[in-house]
Protein backbone atom coordinates (compact mmCIF):
# COMPACT_ATOMS: atom_id res chain seq x y z
CA MET A 1 28.65 -2.28 3.51
CA GLU A 2 30.70 -0.50 5.85
CA PHE A 3 31.37 -1.73 9.56
CA THR A 4 35.05 -1.27 10.38
CA MET A 5 36.15 1.20 13.26
CA GLY A 6 40.01 1.84 13.10
CA GLY A 7 40.32 -1.35 10.71
CA ARG A 8 38.26 -3.46 13.22
CA LEU A 9 35.19 -5.33 12.40
CA GLU A 10 32.97 -4.54 16.12
CA VAL A 11 29.60 -6.08 17.25
CA ARG A 12 27.93 -2.33 18.30
CA ILE A 13 24.60 -3.82 18.86
CA THR A 14 23.13 -5.30 21.97
CA PRO A 15 19.92 -7.02 23.43
CA ALA A 16 18.81 -3.19 24.42
CA ASP A 17 18.37 -2.32 20.53
CA VAL A 18 15.54 -4.55 19.91
CA GLY A 19 13.21 -3.01 18.05
CA LYS A 20 15.93 -1.02 16.19
CA ARG A 21 16.54 -1.30 12.60
CA VAL A 22 20.49 -2.75 12.18
CA SER A 23 23.08 -4.28 9.48
CA VAL A 24 24.73 -7.29 10.67
CA ARG A 25 27.32 -9.40 9.01
CA ARG A 26 27.45 -13.14 10.16
CA ARG A 27 30.03 -15.91 9.48
CA PHE A 28 28.54 -19.06 7.74
CA GLU A 29 27.74 -21.82 10.64
CA GLY A 30 31.05 -23.82 10.96
CA GLY A 31 33.11 -21.83 9.18
CA GLY A 32 36.61 -20.94 10.75
CA ALA A 33 39.63 -19.21 9.09
CA GLY A 34 38.43 -18.00 5.55
CA ALA A 35 34.99 -18.70 6.03
CA GLU A 36 32.27 -16.79 3.96
CA PHE A 37 30.57 -13.81 5.50
CA THR A 38 26.75 -12.98 4.85
CA ASP A 39 25.01 -9.52 5.79
CA THR A 40 21.51 -8.64 6.43
CA VAL A 41 19.81 -5.59 7.28
CA GLY A 42 16.61 -4.77 9.09
CA VAL A 43 14.86 -4.88 12.42
CA LEU A 44 16.37 -6.76 15.38
CA THR A 45 13.12 -8.41 16.78
CA SER A 46 14.43 -10.44 19.62
CA TRP A 47 17.80 -11.34 21.09
CA ASP A 48 17.15 -14.89 23.30
CA ASP A 49 18.89 -17.60 24.50
CA GLY A 50 22.46 -16.81 22.61
CA VAL A 51 20.03 -16.39 19.17
CA VAL A 52 19.43 -12.87 17.28
CA ALA A 53 16.49 -12.29 15.09
CA ILE A 54 16.15 -10.01 12.46
CA THR A 55 13.47 -9.54 10.03
CA PRO A 56 14.28 -7.61 7.06
CA LYS A 57 11.82 -6.04 4.84
CA SER A 58 11.07 -9.27 3.13
CA GLY A 59 9.08 -10.14 6.09
CA ASP A 60 11.15 -13.66 6.63
CA SER A 61 13.23 -13.53 9.82
CA VAL A 62 16.59 -14.47 10.02
CA ARG A 63 17.88 -15.99 13.08
CA ILE A 64 21.71 -15.82 13.98
CA VAL A 65 23.43 -17.47 16.57
CA GLU A 66 25.54 -14.87 18.60
CA SER A 67 28.70 -16.60 18.28
CA ALA A 68 28.60 -16.11 14.37
CA LEU A 69 28.08 -12.51 14.57
CA VAL A 70 31.16 -10.58 13.64
CA ALA A 71 29.79 -7.16 12.83
CA GLY A 72 26.91 -5.23 13.64
CA LYS A 73 25.63 -1.82 13.88
CA VAL A 74 22.34 0.50 14.44
CA VAL A 75 21.47 1.85 11.14
CA PRO A 76 18.79 4.64 10.39
CA ALA A 77 15.10 3.33 10.71
CA ALA A 78 14.43 4.20 6.82
CA PRO A 79 16.34 5.25 3.75
CA ALA A 80 15.77 8.53 2.38
CA ARG A 81 13.19 8.57 -0.02
CA ARG A 82 14.11 10.25 -3.29
CA ARG A 83 11.30 10.24 -5.21
CA GLY A 84 7.49 10.39 -4.83
CA PRO A 85 5.06 12.06 -2.56
CA ALA A 86 6.44 11.96 1.35
CA ALA A 87 4.10 9.24 3.28
CA SER A 88 4.09 7.55 6.62
CA PHE A 89 3.01 3.68 6.76
CA ALA A 90 0.17 4.95 9.37
CA GLU A 91 -1.44 7.28 6.67
CA LEU A 92 -0.63 4.55 3.48
CA ALA A 93 -2.40 1.82 5.57
CA ALA A 94 -5.21 3.67 6.26
CA VAL A 95 -5.80 5.26 2.52
CA THR A 96 -5.59 1.70 1.20
CA ALA A 97 -7.90 0.14 3.49
CA ARG A 98 -10.56 2.26 3.10
CA ALA A 99 -10.16 1.55 -1.19
CA TRP A 100 -10.72 -1.84 -0.72
CA GLN A 101 -13.67 -2.38 2.19
CA PRO A 102 -14.64 -5.75 3.27
CA VAL A 103 -18.23 -6.88 3.73
CA GLU A 104 -18.05 -7.57 7.10
CA SER A 105 -15.81 -5.95 10.15
CA GLU A 106 -15.42 -6.27 13.72
CA PRO A 107 -12.91 -4.73 15.97
CA LEU A 108 -10.02 -6.56 17.79
CA GLY A 109 -8.70 -3.97 20.56
CA GLU A 110 -7.23 -1.86 17.56
CA TRP A 111 -7.19 -4.36 15.33
CA ARG A 112 -9.81 -4.99 12.55
CA LEU A 113 -10.94 -8.13 11.82
CA ARG A 114 -12.44 -8.07 7.73
CA ALA A 115 -14.59 -10.31 6.21
CA ALA A 116 -15.76 -10.62 2.32
CA GLY A 117 -16.98 -14.59 1.49
CA GLY A 118 -13.70 -15.09 0.34
CA PHE A 119 -13.01 -12.54 -1.93
CA THR A 120 -9.35 -11.45 -2.13
CA ARG A 121 -6.91 -11.73 0.80
CA ARG A 122 -6.97 -7.91 1.26
CA ALA A 123 -11.05 -8.16 2.17
CA ASN A 124 -10.75 -11.32 4.25
CA SER A 125 -7.95 -10.44 6.20
CA VAL A 126 -7.02 -8.86 9.95
CA LEU A 127 -5.81 -5.35 9.75
CA PRO A 128 -3.38 -5.16 12.78
CA LEU A 129 -2.82 -1.54 13.23
CA GLY A 130 -2.24 -0.88 17.05
CA ASP A 131 -2.92 -3.33 19.99
CA PRO A 132 -5.04 -6.06 20.02
CA GLY A 133 -5.95 -5.37 23.67
CA LEU A 134 -5.11 -9.18 24.56
CA PRO A 135 -1.64 -10.62 24.46
CA LEU A 136 -0.62 -11.55 21.14
CA GLY A 137 -1.38 -15.54 21.61
CA GLU A 138 -4.58 -15.33 22.57
CA ALA A 139 -4.97 -12.38 19.62
CA PHE A 140 -3.99 -15.03 17.22
CA GLY A 141 -6.35 -17.56 18.39
CA ARG A 142 -9.37 -15.13 18.56
CA VAL A 143 -8.58 -14.74 14.99
CA GLU A 144 -8.64 -17.98 13.81
CA ARG A 145 -12.13 -19.16 15.52
CA TRP A 146 -13.54 -15.86 13.68
CA TYR A 147 -12.66 -16.92 10.63
CA GLU A 148 -13.36 -20.70 11.41
CA GLU A 149 -16.79 -19.65 12.05
CA ARG A 150 -17.12 -18.05 8.70
CA GLY A 151 -15.81 -20.89 6.50
CA LEU A 152 -12.89 -18.93 5.90
CA PRO A 153 -9.06 -19.43 6.20
CA PRO A 154 -7.53 -16.59 8.71
CA TYR A 155 -5.37 -14.04 7.65
CA ILE A 156 -3.53 -11.65 9.35
CA GLN A 157 -1.88 -8.91 6.93
CA THR A 158 1.24 -7.24 8.15
CA ALA A 159 3.92 -4.56 6.62
CA THR A 160 7.67 -4.13 6.87
CA GLY A 161 10.02 -1.81 5.37
CA ALA A 162 9.20 1.49 6.43
CA GLU A 163 9.56 3.46 9.42
CA GLY A 164 6.45 2.35 11.81
CA ALA A 165 6.30 -1.07 10.32
CA GLN A 166 5.20 -4.30 11.65
CA GLU A 167 9.00 -6.25 11.47
CA ALA A 168 8.05 -7.12 15.35
CA LEU A 169 4.35 -8.85 14.24
CA CYS A 170 5.98 -10.88 11.54
CA ALA A 171 8.73 -12.43 13.82
CA GLU A 172 5.79 -13.04 16.23
CA LEU A 173 3.34 -14.65 13.92
CA GLU A 174 6.46 -16.81 12.85
CA ARG A 175 6.93 -17.88 16.53
CA HIS A 176 3.30 -18.95 16.91
CA GLY A 177 3.40 -20.46 13.58
CA TRP A 178 2.08 -18.65 11.22
CA ARG A 179 3.85 -18.75 7.66
CA ARG A 180 3.67 -15.77 4.89
CA GLU A 181 1.90 -16.83 2.21
CA VAL A 182 2.24 -14.05 -0.59
CA THR A 183 3.97 -10.67 -0.83
CA ALA A 184 3.85 -7.48 -2.45
CA GLU A 185 4.64 -4.09 -2.79
CA VAL A 186 2.97 -0.62 -2.18
CA ARG A 187 4.36 1.80 -4.54
CA ILE A 188 3.42 5.51 -4.40
CA ALA A 189 4.44 8.31 -7.38
CA ALA A 190 3.07 11.69 -7.92
CA LEU A 191 -0.17 11.77 -10.07
CA ALA A 192 0.56 14.80 -12.18
CA PRO A 193 3.30 13.01 -14.47
CA VAL A 194 0.79 9.81 -14.79
CA GLY A 195 -1.98 11.48 -15.99
CA ASP A 196 0.55 13.58 -18.63
CA LEU A 197 1.53 9.97 -20.01
CA ASP A 198 1.72 10.03 -23.73
CA ALA A 199 -1.31 7.79 -23.83
CA ASP A 200 -4.55 7.88 -26.12
CA VAL A 201 -8.00 8.06 -23.90
CA SER A 202 -10.25 8.48 -26.60
CA ALA A 203 -11.46 5.10 -26.18
CA VAL A 204 -10.93 4.68 -22.33
CA ARG A 205 -14.70 5.23 -20.88
CA LEU A 206 -15.09 5.84 -17.56
CA SER A 207 -17.90 4.73 -14.94
CA ARG A 208 -19.14 4.76 -11.33
CA GLU A 209 -19.96 1.19 -11.74
CA PRO A 210 -18.64 -2.26 -13.15
CA ASP A 211 -20.89 -3.74 -15.94
CA ALA A 212 -21.31 -7.00 -16.68
CA ALA A 213 -18.43 -6.34 -19.31
CA TRP A 214 -16.21 -4.85 -17.02
CA LEU A 215 -16.89 -8.04 -14.83
CA SER A 216 -16.03 -10.20 -17.51
CA ARG A 217 -12.61 -9.12 -17.94
CA TYR A 218 -11.72 -9.06 -14.14
CA GLN A 219 -10.12 -12.60 -13.40
CA ARG A 220 -10.28 -12.43 -9.82
CA PHE A 221 -13.36 -14.55 -8.78
CA SER A 222 -15.54 -17.27 -10.61
CA THR A 223 -19.02 -15.97 -10.36
CA PRO A 224 -19.59 -12.14 -9.55
CA GLY A 225 -21.60 -12.16 -6.21
CA PRO A 226 -23.36 -9.54 -4.40
CA HIS A 227 -20.01 -9.45 -1.85
CA VAL A 228 -17.81 -8.93 -4.98
CA LEU A 229 -19.68 -6.11 -5.96
CA ARG A 230 -19.84 -4.56 -2.47
CA VAL A 231 -16.09 -4.79 -2.43
CA LEU A 232 -15.09 -3.48 -5.79
CA GLY A 233 -17.80 -0.16 -5.11
CA GLY A 234 -16.35 0.52 -2.03
CA GLY A 235 -14.65 3.71 -1.38
CA PRO A 236 -14.52 7.31 -1.12
CA SER A 237 -14.53 8.04 -4.99
CA VAL A 238 -14.68 5.06 -7.09
CA TRP A 239 -14.06 5.00 -10.72
CA PHE A 240 -13.87 2.06 -13.37
CA ALA A 241 -12.32 2.12 -16.54
CA THR A 242 -12.90 0.00 -19.66
CA VAL A 243 -11.78 0.13 -23.40
CA ALA A 244 -14.17 -1.99 -25.66
CA GLY A 245 -12.55 -5.24 -27.17
CA ALA A 246 -13.17 -4.51 -30.98
CA GLY A 247 -13.17 -7.19 -33.91
CA ASP A 248 -10.43 -4.88 -35.74
CA GLY A 249 -8.32 -4.75 -32.70
CA GLU A 250 -8.16 -0.96 -32.86
CA THR A 251 -9.35 -0.40 -29.65
CA GLY A 252 -8.28 -1.78 -26.09
CA ALA A 253 -8.15 -1.08 -22.47
CA GLY A 254 -5.63 -0.38 -19.94
CA ASP A 255 -4.81 -1.79 -16.47
CA GLY A 256 -8.22 -1.41 -14.45
CA GLU A 257 -11.51 -2.55 -13.60
CA ALA A 258 -14.43 -1.00 -15.67
CA GLY A 259 -17.11 -2.08 -18.36
CA GLY A 260 -17.86 -0.97 -21.67
CA GLU A 261 -20.61 -1.56 -24.43
CA THR A 262 -18.66 -4.25 -25.85
CA GLY A 263 -21.69 -6.13 -27.65
CA GLY A 264 -20.84 -9.05 -25.59
CA GLU A 265 -17.37 -9.10 -26.14
CA ALA A 266 -14.97 -8.78 -22.92
CA PRO A 267 -13.45 -5.62 -22.95
CA ALA A 268 -9.82 -5.44 -24.37
CA ALA A 269 -8.69 -3.63 -20.51
CA ILE A 270 -9.82 -2.37 -17.45
CA GLY A 271 -9.22 -0.63 -14.56
CA ARG A 272 -10.21 0.79 -11.11
CA CYS A 273 -8.83 3.85 -8.98
CA VAL A 274 -10.14 5.11 -5.73
CA VAL A 275 -9.86 8.59 -5.01
CA ASP A 276 -8.91 9.45 -1.14
CA GLY A 277 -8.34 12.99 -0.68
CA ARG A 278 -4.70 13.62 -2.24
CA TRP A 279 -4.49 9.93 -3.03
CA ALA A 280 -5.59 8.15 -5.57
CA GLY A 281 -5.19 4.49 -5.84
CA PHE A 282 -5.17 1.95 -9.23
CA MET A 283 -6.16 -1.14 -9.09
CA ALA A 284 -7.70 -4.19 -10.80
CA VAL A 285 -5.62 -3.02 -14.12
CA GLU A 286 -5.85 -5.78 -16.68
CA VAL A 287 -5.45 -6.60 -20.19
CA ALA A 288 -6.74 -9.33 -22.01
CA PRO A 289 -3.59 -11.55 -23.68
CA GLU A 290 -4.32 -10.71 -27.21
CA HIS A 291 -4.40 -7.20 -26.85
CA ARG A 292 -1.28 -6.78 -24.98
CA ARG A 293 1.54 -4.63 -25.55
CA ARG A 294 -0.42 -2.12 -27.51
CA GLY A 295 -0.10 0.67 -24.59
CA LEU A 296 -3.98 0.06 -23.28
CA ALA A 297 -2.50 -0.44 -19.77
CA THR A 298 -1.07 2.95 -20.04
CA SER A 299 -4.10 4.49 -21.58
CA VAL A 300 -6.44 3.16 -18.84
CA MET A 301 -3.76 4.54 -16.11
CA ALA A 302 -3.44 8.18 -17.73
CA ALA A 303 -7.57 8.39 -18.13
CA LEU A 304 -8.17 7.94 -14.52
CA ALA A 305 -5.21 9.68 -12.95
CA ARG A 306 -6.56 12.74 -15.06
CA GLN A 307 -10.27 12.28 -13.06
CA ALA A 308 -8.28 11.86 -10.07
CA LEU A 309 -6.50 15.12 -10.79
CA GLU A 310 -9.67 16.86 -11.74
CA GLU A 311 -10.84 16.07 -8.02
CA GLY A 312 -7.85 17.04 -6.22
CA ALA A 313 -5.57 14.25 -5.89
CA SER A 314 -1.77 14.59 -6.43
CA ALA A 315 -0.29 11.53 -5.22
CA ALA A 316 -0.64 7.75 -6.55
CA TRP A 317 -0.21 4.66 -4.73
CA LEU A 318 -0.82 0.71 -6.08
CA GLN A 319 0.11 -2.53 -5.21
CA VAL A 320 2.15 -5.25 -7.19
CA GLU A 321 3.11 -8.83 -6.48
CA GLU A 322 6.79 -9.66 -6.28
CA ASP A 323 6.21 -11.96 -9.14
CA ASN A 324 4.60 -9.63 -11.43
CA GLU A 325 7.63 -8.62 -13.53
CA GLY A 326 5.63 -7.02 -16.73
CA ALA A 327 3.76 -4.68 -14.39
CA ARG A 328 6.70 -3.72 -12.45
CA ALA A 329 8.38 -2.99 -15.52
CA LEU A 330 5.50 -0.72 -16.07
CA TYR A 331 4.90 1.14 -12.97
CA ASP A 332 8.59 1.46 -13.11
CA GLY A 333 8.42 3.80 -16.13
CA MET A 334 5.61 5.59 -14.66
CA GLY A 335 7.85 6.78 -11.72
CA PHE A 336 6.22 4.40 -9.04
CA ALA A 337 8.62 3.44 -6.23
CA ALA A 338 8.52 1.26 -3.77
CA HIS A 339 7.17 2.39 -0.43
CA HIS A 340 6.80 -0.85 1.63
CA ARG A 341 6.17 -4.51 1.40
CA TYR A 342 2.50 -6.23 2.97
CA HIS A 343 1.99 -9.93 3.33
CA HIS A 344 -0.64 -12.04 4.38
CA PHE A 345 0.46 -14.88 7.02
CA ARG A 346 -2.03 -17.98 7.44
CA PRO A 347 -1.33 -20.88 10.25
CA ALA A 348 0.67 -23.53 9.49
């Protein structure tokens, strides 16, 4: 990271740059001559009372005493992408929301309050795209009351790391006492290479609905009530993939949500895909522990991708939590690259 200009370090940002992406270097507090420095890159979300706040793509705001700054500059809004389809944050936010729809939804200005009996944070959180029509403090209070009326914890879903994302909203949530509870990456890739993966798809069965076998492999709920089925079945064009679990261990399934005729045995692997225009979204890819490392996740992904290609899709997306190293490595090999991160904030 280069800050020098004519051999000098300079702070070339001011309070007028709030809302822009910046790169700063600061001295550790109490450091004098020979002190250590650290660098931060993110959106400048505030500069008040001698304190600078920067929200990086991690979603956690960094507060810096102004006197500790030794260098700073405005940097491009987002780094150039070198692989994967072109996609804006606004487009992906809408596509991912349509792929995982709530049971109940209500507008708050341009925000959307969503609930589904507590089944997953995504279906039970606010999608804050735009202006809530209220001062933020009042909007946060309205959100809390709405979820309390339904016996649910209040969550607000935000995004960071892409042009037009919501670093400023993350900072406001923190200032109002909300805390980030979980973070995941939204990754994108060209769809054709996923469909062309060297994978045996002969054992993968595709269906339009999740049957009892598919649901028995899915690990995100204890009892598959009607609200679960409505969320899983919602979306423009939904497909479920299943690889049956066989006693001889020669069949299995890949990363997804699907059902199969298994004679009472849970599938080896499942997967879910939602086709929406040019996009194919992959979700709920799960493989039974005893069937892992056999390429079943790849088989499920390839089978679902080929179906999506037949429907005219050309781009792929998926979401993976930051601590899921196995899935991240798998998707790296398929060509998926991080587009942005999304976070769920909850009152402390």
